[in-house]
């Protein structure tokens, strides 16, 4: 069960980071309102706070988080940008998530 909580926390952290970066992108590249920078800053602050909730040492968390981030980013690509990921995207994400799982589970056994 704890593994599911950690994974959910990784997903929430990734979404906060992606939203925090996506909103300034809309402002800079798509002529959207500069007011988007306010929720972007709030989202990035949430991202930083969520990082502090992870149960392991920072370096290990960042390494495992990277694998989950890749998966969430590709889901974002599909859902928000309407670009369907390729089979190589799915394969690469699977490899990254496997690596993230090894890092998280290995930390528990060490």
Foldseek 3Di string as FASTA:
>chain_A
DVVVVLLVLLLLLLVLQCLLVVQVCCVVPVVDDPVSNVSSVVSVVVSVVSLVVHDDDNVLSVQLSVLSNLVSVQVCCCPPVVDHDDVVSVVSSVVSNVVSVCSVVVVVVD
